[in-house]
Amino acid sequence: MFPTRALFAPGVRLTLFTRVGCSLCDTAKDNVLNVRKRRPFDYSEIDVMAPGNKIWKDVYEFDVPVLHVQTVEERQAGAVEEVSEPKKLFHRFTEQEVEKSIDEAQQQPI
């Protein structure tokens, strides 16, 4: 990757939907964090079984791990606005699939 490309590429946010005791989720998290060592992106995790996450439990309880990859753009100082629908990766995904999804998200027009 060229340095100038990184400077002008849109930001990317990855959200991993997971739950405690899920070995597939642990593998998915390792894959995402290994990619993060090589490429910068915002990252968060949501435990679908945690209190207060009923909306995500209803959607993903039996599908975790699920990874949302979204293009984001900073609109005002510190305020990030999502500008793309999430690309979703389910269950068993590799580091290469995560990187490919990031590349695709960055190529979407803003």
Protein backbone atom coordinates (compact mmCIF):
# COMPACT_ATOMS: atom_id res chain seq x y z
CA MET A 1 0.00 0.00 0.00
CA PHE A 2 1.31 3.44 -0.89
CA PRO A 3 1.41 6.07 1.90
CA THR A 4 -0.62 8.55 -0.13
CA ARG A 5 -3.37 5.99 -0.60
CA ALA A 6 -3.67 5.63 3.17
CA LEU A 7 -3.88 9.39 3.60
CA PHE A 8 -6.74 9.78 1.13
CA ALA A 9 -8.63 6.52 1.66
CA PRO A 10 -11.88 6.78 3.60
CA GLY A 11 -11.89 5.49 7.14
CA VAL A 12 -13.28 2.09 7.92
CA ARG A 13 -15.11 0.81 10.98
CA LEU A 14 -15.32 -2.87 11.86
CA THR A 15 -17.86 -4.09 14.39
CA LEU A 16 -17.69 -7.68 15.59
CA PHE A 17 -20.91 -9.14 16.97
CA THR A 18 -19.97 -11.89 19.38
CA ARG A 19 -20.85 -13.66 22.62
CA VAL A 20 -18.95 -15.19 25.52
CA GLY A 21 -17.93 -18.83 25.14
CA CYS A 22 -18.10 -18.83 21.34
CA SER A 23 -14.95 -20.42 19.89
CA LEU A 24 -15.80 -19.23 16.36
CA CYS A 25 -16.04 -15.71 17.81
CA ASP A 26 -12.59 -16.06 19.38
CA THR A 27 -11.11 -17.12 16.03
CA ALA A 28 -12.90 -14.28 14.23
CA LYS A 29 -11.59 -11.75 16.77
CA ASP A 30 -8.03 -13.06 16.32
CA ASN A 31 -8.35 -12.68 12.55
CA VAL A 32 -9.64 -9.11 12.84
CA LEU A 33 -6.97 -8.09 15.34
CA ASN A 34 -4.22 -9.60 13.17
CA VAL A 35 -5.43 -7.47 10.25
CA ARG A 36 -5.55 -4.44 12.55
CA LYS A 37 -1.82 -4.86 13.25
CA ARG A 38 -1.21 -4.19 9.54
CA ARG A 39 -3.98 -1.71 8.72
CA PRO A 40 -5.62 1.05 10.74
CA PHE A 41 -9.39 1.02 11.32
CA ASP A 42 -11.90 1.74 14.06
CA TYR A 43 -12.89 -1.44 15.86
CA SER A 44 -15.57 -2.34 18.36
CA GLU A 45 -17.21 -5.47 19.70
CA ILE A 46 -20.80 -6.02 20.69
CA ASP A 47 -21.74 -8.96 22.91
CA VAL A 48 -25.21 -9.81 21.62
CA MET A 49 -26.10 -11.54 24.91
CA ALA A 50 -25.20 -8.57 27.14
CA PRO A 51 -28.02 -6.67 28.83
CA GLY A 52 -29.05 -3.73 26.72
CA ASN A 53 -28.18 -5.42 23.40
CA LYS A 54 -31.57 -7.08 22.80
CA ILE A 55 -31.86 -5.53 19.34
CA TRP A 56 -28.62 -7.26 18.29
CA LYS A 57 -29.53 -10.49 20.10
CA ASP A 58 -32.76 -10.65 18.09
CA VAL A 59 -30.81 -10.28 14.85
CA TYR A 60 -27.59 -12.24 15.46
CA GLU A 61 -28.07 -14.59 18.44
CA PHE A 62 -27.68 -17.72 16.30
CA ASP A 63 -25.36 -16.23 13.67
CA VAL A 64 -22.35 -14.99 15.66
CA PRO A 65 -19.69 -14.17 14.83
CA VAL A 66 -20.79 -11.49 12.41
CA LEU A 67 -18.49 -8.72 11.23
CA HIS A 68 -19.81 -5.40 9.87
CA VAL A 69 -17.38 -3.49 7.65
CA GLN A 70 -18.42 0.11 6.98
CA THR A 71 -16.87 3.15 5.37
CA VAL A 72 -16.92 6.15 7.70
CA GLU A 73 -16.21 9.79 7.17
CA GLU A 74 -15.38 12.50 9.66
CA ARG A 75 -17.83 15.40 9.27
CA GLN A 76 -16.89 17.64 12.20
CA ALA A 77 -14.03 17.63 14.63
CA GLY A 78 -14.19 14.22 16.24
CA ALA A 79 -17.69 13.36 14.96
CA VAL A 80 -17.74 10.29 12.72
CA GLU A 81 -20.63 9.64 10.37
CA GLU A 82 -21.22 6.27 8.74
CA VAL A 83 -21.56 6.63 5.01
CA SER A 84 -22.05 3.08 3.80
CA GLU A 85 -24.27 0.13 4.48
CA PRO A 86 -22.30 -2.55 6.27
CA LYS A 87 -20.77 -5.38 4.33
CA LYS A 88 -21.32 -8.44 6.51
CA LEU A 89 -19.07 -11.42 7.01
CA PHE A 90 -20.54 -14.41 8.82
CA HIS A 91 -19.11 -17.27 10.89
CA ARG A 92 -15.77 -18.48 9.51
CA PHE A 93 -13.92 -15.69 7.75
CA THR A 94 -10.23 -15.36 7.11
CA GLU A 95 -7.83 -12.44 7.47
CA GLN A 96 -7.77 -12.23 3.67
CA GLU A 97 -11.56 -11.89 3.54
CA VAL A 98 -11.44 -9.14 6.16
CA GLU A 99 -8.79 -7.25 4.17
CA LYS A 100 -10.76 -7.68 0.95
CA SER A 101 -13.86 -6.25 2.64
CA ILE A 102 -11.85 -3.27 3.90
CA ASP A 103 -10.48 -2.67 0.39
CA GLU A 104 -13.99 -2.82 -1.07
CA ALA A 105 -15.33 -0.42 1.55
CA GLN A 106 -12.54 2.07 0.85
CA GLN A 107 -13.25 1.96 -2.87
CA GLN A 108 -16.90 2.91 -2.46
CA PRO A 109 -17.58 6.50 -3.50
CA ILE A 110 -18.30 8.87 -0.64
